[in-house]
Amino acid sequence: MATFEVEERIPQSAEDAKRVHTYPLIKQCDMYEDMRAEVTELCVTGCEKFPTDNEAAARFVKENVDKKFGSAWHVLIGEDFGFEITHEVNNLLYMFCGGNLAILVWKCS
């Protein structure tokens, strides 16, 4: 019989708590794997580049996704929103970055 010990890591400071929740958490995605990886990277880069300006981060992501995958992309970045959208198949990404910052990227033409 094997035994194991679980050590629960509790953040000791605000910086530790921030570090725990900095990875991108994908909640819903129907993109192909390569597109998902590129769009996720753009979202993380935009949020790191503009940490206090969600509008500028969304603009950064939209402009880069439009260049890379063609036009008609939409980007929404915020902390408290709901959504009901129509989108093209294989062109939706809903994720969280930095803990509570939600990012929605979709294409509709």
PDB file of N, CA and C in Angstrom:
ATOM      1  N   MET A   1       0.838  -1.166   0.000  1.00  0.00           N
ATOM      2  CA  MET A   1       0.000   0.000   0.000  1.00  0.00           C
ATOM      3  C   MET A   1       0.890   1.239   0.000  1.00  0.00           C
ATOM      4  N   ALA A   2       0.618   2.142  -0.926  1.00  0.00           N
ATOM      5  CA  ALA A   2       1.411   3.361  -1.046  1.00  0.00           C
ATOM      6  C   ALA A   2       0.777   4.475  -0.234  1.00  0.00           C
ATOM      7  N   THR A   3       1.600   5.265   0.366  1.00  0.00           N
ATOM      8  CA  THR A   3       1.108   6.443   1.070  1.00  0.00           C
ATOM      9  C   THR A   3       1.744   7.672   0.446  1.00  0.00           C
ATOM     10  N   PHE A   4       1.035   8.752   0.529  1.00  0.00           N
ATOM     11  CA  PHE A   4       1.576   9.995  -0.006  1.00  0.00           C
ATOM     12  C   PHE A   4       1.098  11.146   0.850  1.00  0.00           C
ATOM     13  N   GLU A   5       1.815  12.215   0.751  1.00  0.00           N
ATOM     14  CA  GLU A   5       1.499  13.401   1.524  1.00  0.00           C
ATOM     15  C   GLU A   5       1.204  14.540   0.565  1.00  0.00           C
ATOM     16  N   VAL A   6       0.151  15.262   0.842  1.00  0.00           N
ATOM     17  CA  VAL A   6      -0.232  16.388   0.003  1.00  0.00           C
ATOM     18  C   VAL A   6       0.113  17.669   0.741  1.00  0.00           C
ATOM     19  N   GLU A   7       0.849  18.522   0.064  1.00  0.00           N
ATOM     20  CA  GLU A   7       1.189  19.814   0.643  1.00  0.00           C
ATOM     21  C   GLU A   7       0.382  20.877  -0.077  1.00  0.00           C
ATOM     22  N   GLU A   8      -0.472  21.552   0.656  1.00  0.00           N
ATOM     23  CA  GLU A   8      -1.293  22.602   0.058  1.00  0.00           C
ATOM     24  C   GLU A   8      -0.513  23.903   0.080  1.00  0.00           C
ATOM     25  N   ARG A   9      -0.421  24.539  -1.079  1.00  0.00           N
ATOM     26  CA  ARG A   9       0.322  25.791  -1.180  1.00  0.00           C
ATOM     27  C   ARG A   9      -0.647  26.947  -1.034  1.00  0.00           C
ATOM     28  N   ILE A  10      -0.505  27.685   0.030  1.00  0.00           N
ATOM     29  CA  ILE A  10      -1.338  28.856   0.271  1.00  0.00           C
ATOM     30  C   ILE A  10      -0.481  30.086   0.021  1.00  0.00           C
ATOM     31  N   PRO A  11      -0.942  30.984  -0.858  1.00  0.00           N
ATOM     32  CA  PRO A  11      -0.155  32.188  -1.139  1.00  0.00           C
ATOM     33  C   PRO A  11       0.059  33.013   0.127  1.00  0.00           C
ATOM     34  N   GLN A  12       1.292  33.440   0.358  1.00  0.00           N
ATOM     35  CA  GLN A  12       1.634  34.207   1.545  1.00  0.00           C
ATOM     36  C   GLN A  12       1.507  35.713   1.331  1.00  0.00           C
ATOM     37  N   SER A  13       1.524  36.148   0.083  1.00  0.00           N
ATOM     38  CA  SER A  13       1.428  37.576  -0.192  1.00  0.00           C
ATOM     39  C   SER A  13       0.638  37.788  -1.475  1.00  0.00           C
ATOM     40  N   ALA A  14       0.336  39.029  -1.766  1.00  0.00           N
ATOM     41  CA  ALA A  14      -0.387  39.349  -3.001  1.00  0.00           C
ATOM     42  C   ALA A  14       0.431  38.945  -4.220  1.00  0.00           C
ATOM     43  N   GLU A  15       1.738  39.100  -4.148  1.00  0.00           N
ATOM     44  CA  GLU A  15       2.609  38.713  -5.267  1.00  0.00           C
ATOM     45  C   GLU A  15       2.555  37.202  -5.492  1.00  0.00           C
ATOM     46  N   ASP A  16       2.557  36.425  -4.409  1.00  0.00           N
ATOM     47  CA  ASP A  16       2.436  34.968  -4.537  1.00  0.00           C
ATOM     48  C   ASP A  16       1.084  34.585  -5.124  1.00  0.00           C
ATOM     49  N   ALA A  17       0.037  35.247  -4.691  1.00  0.00           N
ATOM     50  CA  ALA A  17      -1.300  34.956  -5.213  1.00  0.00           C
ATOM     51  C   ALA A  17      -1.377  35.273  -6.695  1.00  0.00           C
ATOM     52  N   LYS A  18      -0.756  36.357  -7.108  1.00  0.00           N
ATOM     53  CA  LYS A  18      -0.732  36.725  -8.522  1.00  0.00           C
ATOM     54  C   LYS A  18       0.020  35.685  -9.343  1.00  0.00           C
ATOM     55  N   ARG A  19       1.114  35.202  -8.812  1.00  0.00           N
ATOM     56  CA  ARG A  19       1.935  34.219  -9.506  1.00  0.00           C
ATOM     57  C   ARG A  19       1.172  32.908  -9.703  1.00  0.00           C
ATOM     58  N   VAL A  20       0.325  32.540  -8.758  1.00  0.00           N
ATOM     59  CA  VAL A  20      -0.431  31.295  -8.843  1.00  0.00           C
ATOM     60  C   VAL A  20      -1.418  31.342 -10.006  1.00  0.00           C
ATOM     61  N   HIS A  21      -1.995  32.496 -10.293  1.00  0.00           N
ATOM     62  CA  HIS A  21      -3.066  32.608 -11.284  1.00  0.00           C
ATOM     63  C   HIS A  21      -2.656  33.352 -12.547  1.00  0.00           C
ATOM     64  N   THR A  22      -1.427  33.243 -12.980  1.00  0.00           N
ATOM     65  CA  THR A  22      -1.009  33.985 -14.167  1.00  0.00           C
ATOM     66  C   THR A  22      -1.054  33.171 -15.447  1.00  0.00           C
ATOM     67  N   TYR A  23      -1.273  31.887 -15.364  1.00  0.00           N
ATOM     68  CA  TYR A  23      -1.320  31.079 -16.578  1.00  0.00           C
ATOM     69  C   TYR A  23      -2.643  31.311 -17.310  1.00  0.00           C
ATOM     70  N   PRO A  24      -2.675  31.176 -18.628  1.00  0.00           N
ATOM     71  CA  PRO A  24      -3.932  31.330 -19.361  1.00  0.00           C
ATOM     72  C   PRO A  24      -4.822  30.101 -19.156  1.00  0.00           C
ATOM     73  N   LEU A  25      -6.072  30.338 -18.792  1.00  0.00           N
ATOM     74  CA  LEU A  25      -7.040  29.269 -18.558  1.00  0.00           C
ATOM     75  C   LEU A  25      -8.093  29.327 -19.656  1.00  0.00           C
ATOM     76  N   ILE A  26      -8.110  28.343 -20.525  1.00  0.00           N
ATOM     77  CA  ILE A  26      -9.050  28.327 -21.645  1.00  0.00           C
ATOM     78  C   ILE A  26     -10.336  27.653 -21.189  1.00  0.00           C
ATOM     79  N   LYS A  27     -11.449  28.395 -21.264  1.00  0.00           N
ATOM     80  CA  LYS A  27     -12.748  27.876 -20.846  1.00  0.00           C
ATOM     81  C   LYS A  27     -13.507  27.252 -22.009  1.00  0.00           C
ATOM     82  N   GLN A  28     -13.443  27.867 -23.173  1.00  0.00           N
ATOM     83  CA  GLN A  28     -14.155  27.362 -24.352  1.00  0.00           C
ATOM     84  C   GLN A  28     -13.341  27.706 -25.587  1.00  0.00           C
ATOM     85  N   CYS A  29     -13.130  26.730 -26.443  1.00  0.00           N
ATOM     86  CA  CYS A  29     -12.391  26.978 -27.669  1.00  0.00           C
ATOM     87  C   CYS A  29     -12.776  25.940 -28.703  1.00  0.00           C
ATOM     88  N   ASP A  30     -13.105  26.400 -29.910  1.00  0.00           N
ATOM     89  CA  ASP A  30     -13.341  25.456 -30.999  1.00  0.00           C
ATOM     90  C   ASP A  30     -12.384  25.715 -32.162  1.00  0.00           C
ATOM     91  N   MET A  31     -11.285  26.423 -31.881  1.00  0.00           N
ATOM     92  CA  MET A  31     -10.268  26.686 -32.904  1.00  0.00           C
ATOM     93  C   MET A  31      -9.391  25.453 -33.097  1.00  0.00           C
ATOM     94  N   TYR A  32      -8.721  25.413 -34.245  1.00  0.00           N
ATOM     95  CA  TYR A  32      -7.715  24.382 -34.456  1.00  0.00           C
ATOM     96  C   TYR A  32      -6.541  24.657 -33.530  1.00  0.00           C
ATOM     97  N   GLU A  33      -5.789  23.640 -33.211  1.00  0.00           N
ATOM     98  CA  GLU A  33      -4.729  23.724 -32.205  1.00  0.00           C
ATOM     99  C   GLU A  33      -3.694  24.806 -32.503  1.00  0.00           C
ATOM    100  N   ASP A  34      -3.237  24.905 -33.752  1.00  0.00           N
ATOM    101  CA  ASP A  34      -2.218  25.911 -34.071  1.00  0.00           C
ATOM    102  C   ASP A  34      -2.774  27.326 -33.961  1.00  0.00           C
ATOM    103  N   MET A  35      -4.013  27.532 -34.405  1.00  0.00           N
ATOM    104  CA  MET A  35      -4.641  28.847 -34.287  1.00  0.00           C
ATOM    105  C   MET A  35      -4.872  29.190 -32.815  1.00  0.00           C
ATOM    106  N   ARG A  36      -5.325  28.229 -32.026  1.00  0.00           N
ATOM    107  CA  ARG A  36      -5.568  28.456 -30.604  1.00  0.00           C
ATOM    108  C   ARG A  36      -4.287  28.886 -29.902  1.00  0.00           C
ATOM    109  N   ALA A  37      -3.186  28.229 -30.208  1.00  0.00           N
ATOM    110  CA  ALA A  37      -1.912  28.570 -29.575  1.00  0.00           C
ATOM    111  C   ALA A  37      -1.481  29.989 -29.932  1.00  0.00           C
ATOM    112  N   GLU A  38      -1.624  30.371 -31.185  1.00  0.00           N
ATOM    113  CA  GLU A  38      -1.214  31.714 -31.611  1.00  0.00           C
ATOM    114  C   GLU A  38      -2.108  32.794 -31.016  1.00  0.00           C
ATOM    115  N   VAL A  39      -3.421  32.566 -31.014  1.00  0.00           N
ATOM    116  CA  VAL A  39      -4.346  33.563 -30.468  1.00  0.00           C
ATOM    117  C   VAL A  39      -4.165  33.676 -28.955  1.00  0.00           C
ATOM    118  N   THR A  40      -3.970  32.561 -28.274  1.00  0.00           N
ATOM    119  CA  THR A  40      -3.724  32.594 -26.831  1.00  0.00           C
ATOM    120  C   THR A  40      -2.464  33.393 -26.522  1.00  0.00           C
ATOM    121  N   GLU A  41      -1.422  33.177 -27.282  1.00  0.00           N
ATOM    122  CA  GLU A  41      -0.171  33.918 -27.078  1.00  0.00           C
ATOM    123  C   GLU A  41      -0.374  35.415 -27.316  1.00  0.00           C
ATOM    124  N   LEU A  42      -1.143  35.774 -28.345  1.00  0.00           N
ATOM    125  CA  LEU A  42      -1.438  37.191 -28.596  1.00  0.00           C
ATOM    126  C   LEU A  42      -2.228  37.801 -27.441  1.00  0.00           C
ATOM    127  N   CYS A  43      -3.179  37.055 -26.893  1.00  0.00           N
ATOM    128  CA  CYS A  43      -3.979  37.557 -25.773  1.00  0.00           C
ATOM    129  C   CYS A  43      -3.116  37.791 -24.540  1.00  0.00           C
ATOM    130  N   VAL A  44      -2.261  36.849 -24.227  1.00  0.00           N
ATOM    131  CA  VAL A  44      -1.374  36.993 -23.071  1.00  0.00           C
ATOM    132  C   VAL A  44      -0.424  38.170 -23.279  1.00  0.00           C
ATOM    133  N   THR A  45       0.129  38.296 -24.476  1.00  0.00           N
ATOM    134  CA  THR A  45       1.031  39.407 -24.783  1.00  0.00           C
ATOM    135  C   THR A  45       0.313  40.746 -24.653  1.00  0.00           C
ATOM    136  N   GLY A  46      -0.902  40.834 -25.180  1.00  0.00           N
ATOM    137  CA  GLY A  46      -1.677  42.072 -25.087  1.00  0.00           C
ATOM    138  C   GLY A  46      -1.973  42.459 -23.653  1.00  0.00           C
ATOM    139  N   CYS A  47      -2.330  41.486 -22.825  1.00  0.00           N
ATOM    140  CA  CYS A  47      -2.634  41.774 -21.420  1.00  0.00           C
ATOM    141  C   CYS A  47      -1.388  42.142 -20.628  1.00  0.00           C
ATOM    142  N   GLU A  48      -0.250  41.570 -20.993  1.00  0.00           N
ATOM    143  CA  GLU A  48       1.000  41.939 -20.323  1.00  0.00           C
ATOM    144  C   GLU A  48       1.493  43.304 -20.779  1.00  0.00           C
ATOM    145  N   LYS A  49       1.274  43.627 -22.046  1.00  0.00           N
ATOM    146  CA  LYS A  49       1.733  44.901 -22.597  1.00  0.00           C
ATOM    147  C   LYS A  49       0.887  46.069 -22.091  1.00  0.00           C
ATOM    148  N   PHE A  50      -0.419  45.839 -21.881  1.00  0.00           N
ATOM    149  CA  PHE A  50      -1.342  46.879 -21.417  1.00  0.00           C
ATOM    150  C   PHE A  50      -2.085  46.381 -20.176  1.00  0.00           C
ATOM    151  N   PRO A  51      -1.407  46.279 -19.033  1.00  0.00           N
ATOM    152  CA  PRO A  51      -2.038  45.672 -17.854  1.00  0.00           C
ATOM    153  C   PRO A  51      -3.192  46.474 -17.256  1.00  0.00           C
ATOM    154  N   THR A  52      -3.232  47.778 -17.481  1.00  0.00           N
ATOM    155  CA  THR A  52      -4.299  48.591 -16.892  1.00  0.00           C
ATOM    156  C   THR A  52      -5.274  49.133 -17.922  1.00  0.00           C
ATOM    157  N   ASP A  53      -5.074  48.837 -19.189  1.00  0.00           N
ATOM    158  CA  ASP A  53      -5.925  49.369 -20.257  1.00  0.00           C
ATOM    159  C   ASP A  53      -6.479  48.217 -21.100  1.00  0.00           C
ATOM    160  N   ASN A  54      -7.666  47.727 -20.711  1.00  0.00           N
ATOM    161  CA  ASN A  54      -8.270  46.594 -21.418  1.00  0.00           C
ATOM    162  C   ASN A  54      -8.620  46.935 -22.859  1.00  0.00           C
ATOM    163  N   GLU A  55      -9.001  48.179 -23.110  1.00  0.00           N
ATOM    164  CA  GLU A  55      -9.347  48.590 -24.473  1.00  0.00           C
ATOM    165  C   GLU A  55      -8.123  48.530 -25.394  1.00  0.00           C
ATOM    166  N   ALA A  56      -6.992  49.010 -24.917  1.00  0.00           N
ATOM    167  CA  ALA A  56      -5.763  48.955 -25.718  1.00  0.00           C
ATOM    168  C   ALA A  56      -5.313  47.510 -25.924  1.00  0.00           C
ATOM    169  N   ALA A  57      -5.472  46.675 -24.908  1.00  0.00           N
ATOM    170  CA  ALA A  57      -5.116  45.259 -25.046  1.00  0.00           C
ATOM    171  C   ALA A  57      -6.004  44.584 -26.080  1.00  0.00           C
ATOM    172  N   ALA A  58      -7.307  44.879 -26.047  1.00  0.00           N
ATOM    173  CA  ALA A  58      -8.239  44.304 -27.023  1.00  0.00           C
ATOM    174  C   ALA A  58      -7.905  44.778 -28.435  1.00  0.00           C
ATOM    175  N   ARG A  59      -7.568  46.049 -28.573  1.00  0.00           N
ATOM    176  CA  ARG A  59      -7.190  46.587 -29.883  1.00  0.00           C
ATOM    177  C   ARG A  59      -5.925  45.897 -30.404  1.00  0.00           C
ATOM    178  N   PHE A  60      -4.947  45.706 -29.526  1.00  0.00           N
ATOM    179  CA  PHE A  60      -3.708  45.018 -29.895  1.00  0.00           C
ATOM    180  C   PHE A  60      -4.003  43.600 -30.401  1.00  0.00           C
ATOM    181  N   VAL A  61      -4.822  42.864 -29.654  1.00  0.00           N
ATOM    182  CA  VAL A  61      -5.153  41.489 -30.045  1.00  0.00           C
ATOM    183  C   VAL A  61      -5.908  41.488 -31.362  1.00  0.00           C
ATOM    184  N   LYS A  62      -6.918  42.350 -31.501  1.00  0.00           N
ATOM    185  CA  LYS A  62      -7.728  42.387 -32.720  1.00  0.00           C
ATOM    186  C   LYS A  62      -6.885  42.699 -33.952  1.00  0.00           C
ATOM    187  N   GLU A  63      -6.051  43.725 -33.863  1.00  0.00           N
ATOM    188  CA  GLU A  63      -5.231  44.104 -35.014  1.00  0.00           C
ATOM    189  C   GLU A  63      -4.293  42.971 -35.432  1.00  0.00           C
ATOM    190  N   ASN A  64      -3.711  42.287 -34.463  1.00  0.00           N
ATOM    191  CA  ASN A  64      -2.790  41.200 -34.794  1.00  0.00           C
ATOM    192  C   ASN A  64      -3.514  39.962 -35.315  1.00  0.00           C
ATOM    193  N   VAL A  65      -4.674  39.663 -34.764  1.00  0.00           N
ATOM    194  CA  VAL A  65      -5.444  38.514 -35.255  1.00  0.00           C
ATOM    195  C   VAL A  65      -5.974  38.807 -36.656  1.00  0.00           C
ATOM    196  N   ASP A  66      -6.424  40.041 -36.897  1.00  0.00           N
ATOM    197  CA  ASP A  66      -6.873  40.427 -38.244  1.00  0.00           C
ATOM    198  C   ASP A  66      -5.747  40.265 -39.266  1.00  0.00           C
ATOM    199  N   LYS A  67      -4.535  40.677 -38.910  1.00  0.00           N
ATOM    200  CA  LYS A  67      -3.393  40.539 -39.826  1.00  0.00           C
ATOM    201  C   LYS A  67      -3.071  39.070 -40.096  1.00  0.00           C
ATOM    202  N   LYS A  68      -3.124  38.268 -39.054  1.00  0.00           N
ATOM    203  CA  LYS A  68      -2.704  36.871 -39.160  1.00  0.00           C
ATOM    204  C   LYS A  68      -3.756  35.975 -39.823  1.00  0.00           C
ATOM    205  N   PHE A  69      -5.048  36.190 -39.505  1.00  0.00           N
ATOM    206  CA  PHE A  69      -6.100  35.266 -39.937  1.00  0.00           C
ATOM    207  C   PHE A  69      -7.196  35.925 -40.767  1.00  0.00           C
ATOM    208  N   GLY A  70      -6.975  37.125 -41.266  1.00  0.00           N
ATOM    209  CA  GLY A  70      -7.997  37.818 -42.047  1.00  0.00           C
ATOM    210  C   GLY A  70      -8.896  38.654 -41.149  1.00  0.00           C
ATOM    211  N   SER A  71      -9.759  39.459 -41.780  1.00  0.00           N
ATOM    212  CA  SER A  71     -10.559  40.412 -41.001  1.00  0.00           C
ATOM    213  C   SER A  71     -11.840  39.793 -40.445  1.00  0.00           C
ATOM    214  N   ALA A  72     -12.621  40.630 -39.791  1.00  0.00           N
ATOM    215  CA  ALA A  72     -13.919  40.321 -39.169  1.00  0.00           C
ATOM    216  C   ALA A  72     -13.778  39.654 -37.801  1.00  0.00           C
ATOM    217  N   TRP A  73     -12.652  39.861 -37.110  1.00  0.00           N
ATOM    218  CA  TRP A  73     -12.474  39.342 -35.760  1.00  0.00           C
ATOM    219  C   TRP A  73     -12.946  40.379 -34.752  1.00  0.00           C
ATOM    220  N   HIS A  74     -13.430  39.902 -33.621  1.00  0.00           N
ATOM    221  CA  HIS A  74     -13.887  40.757 -32.527  1.00  0.00           C
ATOM    222  C   HIS A  74     -13.200  40.289 -31.249  1.00  0.00           C
ATOM    223  N   VAL A  75     -12.850  41.243 -30.388  1.00  0.00           N
ATOM    224  CA  VAL A  75     -12.153  40.918 -29.140  1.00  0.00           C
ATOM    225  C   VAL A  75     -12.792  41.706 -28.008  1.00  0.00           C
ATOM    226  N   LEU A  76     -13.071  41.013 -26.916  1.00  0.00           N
ATOM    227  CA  LEU A  76     -13.631  41.633 -25.722  1.00  0.00           C
ATOM    228  C   LEU A  76     -12.769  41.213 -24.536  1.00  0.00           C
ATOM    229  N   ILE A  77     -12.286  42.197 -23.780  1.00  0.00           N
ATOM    230  CA  ILE A  77     -11.458  41.925 -22.606  1.00  0.00           C
ATOM    231  C   ILE A  77     -12.045  42.688 -21.431  1.00  0.00           C
ATOM    232  N   GLY A  78     -12.295  41.987 -20.334  1.00  0.00           N
ATOM    233  CA  GLY A  78     -12.855  42.633 -19.158  1.00  0.00           C
ATOM    234  C   GLY A  78     -12.962  41.669 -17.993  1.00  0.00           C
ATOM    235  N   GLU A  79     -13.488  42.186 -16.878  1.00  0.00           N
ATOM    236  CA  GLU A  79     -13.587  41.380 -15.667  1.00  0.00           C
ATOM    237  C   GLU A  79     -15.009  40.965 -15.334  1.00  0.00           C
ATOM    238  N   ASP A  80     -16.015  41.592 -15.919  1.00  0.00           N
ATOM    239  CA  ASP A  80     -17.385  41.290 -15.519  1.00  0.00           C
ATOM    240  C   ASP A  80     -18.309  41.483 -16.709  1.00  0.00           C
ATOM    241  N   PHE A  81     -18.532  40.442 -17.489  1.00  0.00           N
ATOM    242  CA  PHE A  81     -19.441  40.539 -18.620  1.00  0.00           C
ATOM    243  C   PHE A  81     -20.033  39.172 -18.938  1.00  0.00           C
ATOM    244  N   GLY A  82     -21.164  39.192 -19.587  1.00  0.00           N
ATOM    245  CA  GLY A  82     -21.786  37.982 -20.118  1.00  0.00           C
ATOM    246  C   GLY A  82     -21.892  38.152 -21.618  1.00  0.00           C
ATOM    247  N   PHE A  83     -22.146  37.066 -22.328  1.00  0.00           N
ATOM    248  CA  PHE A  83     -22.218  37.196 -23.776  1.00  0.00           C
ATOM    249  C   PHE A  83     -23.087  36.110 -24.383  1.00  0.00           C
ATOM    250  N   GLU A  84     -23.673  36.462 -25.496  1.00  0.00           N
ATOM    251  CA  GLU A  84     -24.368  35.527 -26.371  1.00  0.00           C
ATOM    252  C   GLU A  84     -24.059  36.004 -27.776  1.00  0.00           C
ATOM    253  N   ILE A  85     -23.309  35.228 -28.522  1.00  0.00           N
ATOM    254  CA  ILE A  85     -22.819  35.672 -29.824  1.00  0.00           C
ATOM    255  C   ILE A  85     -23.092  34.624 -30.889  1.00  0.00           C
ATOM    256  N   THR A  86     -23.015  35.065 -32.131  1.00  0.00           N
ATOM    257  CA  THR A  86     -23.007  34.172 -33.279  1.00  0.00           C
ATOM    258  C   THR A  86     -21.608  34.257 -33.868  1.00  0.00           C
ATOM    259  N   HIS A  87     -21.013  33.104 -34.138  1.00  0.00           N
ATOM    260  CA  HIS A  87     -19.638  33.103 -34.643  1.00  0.00           C
ATOM    261  C   HIS A  87     -19.475  32.034 -35.705  1.00  0.00           C
ATOM    262  N   GLU A  88     -18.434  32.183 -36.494  1.00  0.00           N
ATOM    263  CA  GLU A  88     -18.101  31.160 -37.476  1.00  0.00           C
ATOM    264  C   GLU A  88     -17.551  29.928 -36.758  1.00  0.00           C
ATOM    265  N   VAL A  89     -17.814  28.767 -37.312  1.00  0.00           N
ATOM    266  CA  VAL A  89     -17.318  27.520 -36.735  1.00  0.00           C
ATOM    267  C   VAL A  89     -15.787  27.538 -36.739  1.00  0.00           C
ATOM    268  N   ASN A  90     -15.199  27.018 -35.689  1.00  0.00           N
ATOM    269  CA  ASN A  90     -13.739  26.941 -35.501  1.00  0.00           C
ATOM    270  C   ASN A  90     -13.082  28.309 -35.366  1.00  0.00           C
ATOM    271  N   ASN A  91     -13.819  29.287 -34.844  1.00  0.00           N
ATOM    272  CA  ASN A  91     -13.278  30.641 -34.698  1.00  0.00           C
ATOM    273  C   ASN A  91     -13.723  31.301 -33.395  1.00  0.00           C
ATOM    274  N   LEU A  92     -13.659  30.571 -32.286  1.00  0.00           N
ATOM    275  CA  LEU A  92     -14.059  31.111 -30.988  1.00  0.00           C
ATOM    276  C   LEU A  92     -13.039  30.714 -29.926  1.00  0.00           C
ATOM    277  N   LEU A  93     -12.669  31.689 -29.086  1.00  0.00           N
ATOM    278  CA  LEU A  93     -11.801  31.427 -27.940  1.00  0.00           C
ATOM    279  C   LEU A  93     -12.305  32.248 -26.766  1.00  0.00           C
ATOM    280  N   TYR A  94     -12.582  31.576 -25.644  1.00  0.00           N
ATOM    281  CA  TYR A  94     -12.977  32.236 -24.405  1.00  0.00           C
ATOM    282  C   TYR A  94     -12.013  31.754 -23.336  1.00  0.00           C
ATOM    283  N   MET A  95     -11.269  32.686 -22.752  1.00  0.00           N
ATOM    284  CA  MET A  95     -10.222  32.313 -21.804  1.00  0.00           C
ATOM    285  C   MET A  95     -10.101  33.337 -20.683  1.00  0.00           C
ATOM    286  N   PHE A  96      -9.362  32.970 -19.653  1.00  0.00           N
ATOM    287  CA  PHE A  96      -9.024  33.868 -18.561  1.00  0.00           C
ATOM    288  C   PHE A  96      -7.513  33.993 -18.494  1.00  0.00           C
ATOM    289  N   CYS A  97      -7.065  35.193 -18.159  1.00  0.00           N
ATOM    290  CA  CYS A  97      -5.634  35.459 -18.051  1.00  0.00           C
ATOM    291  C   CYS A  97      -5.404  36.296 -16.795  1.00  0.00           C
ATOM    292  N   GLY A  98      -4.421  35.940 -16.023  1.00  0.00           N
ATOM    293  CA  GLY A  98      -4.137  36.708 -14.819  1.00  0.00           C
ATOM    294  C   GLY A  98      -5.155  36.513 -13.721  1.00  0.00           C
ATOM    295  N   GLY A  99      -5.871  35.421 -13.736  1.00  0.00           N
ATOM    296  CA  GLY A  99      -6.833  35.129 -12.684  1.00  0.00           C
ATOM    297  C   GLY A  99      -8.251  35.501 -13.029  1.00  0.00           C
ATOM    298  N   ASN A 100      -8.570  36.803 -13.095  1.00  0.00           N
ATOM    299  CA  ASN A 100      -9.957  37.208 -13.282  1.00  0.00           C
ATOM    300  C   ASN A 100     -10.202  38.040 -14.542  1.00  0.00           C
ATOM    301  N   LEU A 101      -9.256  38.140 -15.421  1.00  0.00           N
ATOM    302  CA  LEU A 101      -9.423  38.920 -16.644  1.00  0.00           C
ATOM    303  C   LEU A 101      -9.892  37.990 -17.761  1.00  0.00           C
ATOM    304  N   ALA A 102     -11.145  38.166 -18.178  1.00  0.00           N
ATOM    305  CA  ALA A 102     -11.724  37.311 -19.215  1.00  0.00           C
ATOM    306  C   ALA A 102     -11.441  37.894 -20.592  1.00  0.00           C
ATOM    307  N   ILE A 103     -11.201  37.007 -21.552  1.00  0.00           N
ATOM    308  CA  ILE A 103     -10.915  37.410 -22.928  1.00  0.00           C
ATOM    309  C   ILE A 103     -11.774  36.567 -23.852  1.00  0.00           C
ATOM    310  N   LEU A 104     -12.502  37.239 -24.723  1.00  0.00           N
ATOM    311  CA  LEU A 104     -13.345  36.566 -25.706  1.00  0.00           C
ATOM    312  C   LEU A 104     -12.899  37.017 -27.088  1.00  0.00           C
ATOM    313  N   VAL A 105     -12.546  36.067 -27.940  1.00  0.00           N
ATOM    314  CA  VAL A 105     -12.105  36.352 -29.305  1.00  0.00           C
ATOM    315  C   VAL A 105     -12.959  35.498 -30.227  1.00  0.00           C
ATOM    316  N   TRP A 106     -13.626  36.135 -31.212  1.00  0.00           N
ATOM    317  CA  TRP A 106     -14.439  35.380 -32.147  1.00  0.00           C
ATOM    318  C   TRP A 106     -14.469  36.062 -33.501  1.00  0.00           C
ATOM    319  N   LYS A 107     -14.820  35.281 -34.503  1.00  0.00           N
ATOM    320  CA  LYS A 107     -14.908  35.799 -35.865  1.00  0.00           C
ATOM    321  C   LYS A 107     -16.326  35.600 -36.366  1.00  0.00           C
ATOM    322  N   CYS A 108     -16.876  36.656 -36.936  1.00  0.00           N
ATOM    323  CA  CYS A 108     -18.159  36.533 -37.625  1.00  0.00           C
ATOM    324  C   CYS A 108     -18.112  37.454 -38.833  1.00  0.00           C
ATOM    325  N   SER A 109     -18.699  36.977 -39.920  1.00  0.00           N
ATOM    326  CA  SER A 109     -18.634  37.780 -41.142  1.00  0.00           C
ATOM    327  C   SER A 109     -20.013  38.182 -41.597  1.00  0.00           C
TER     328      SER A 109
END
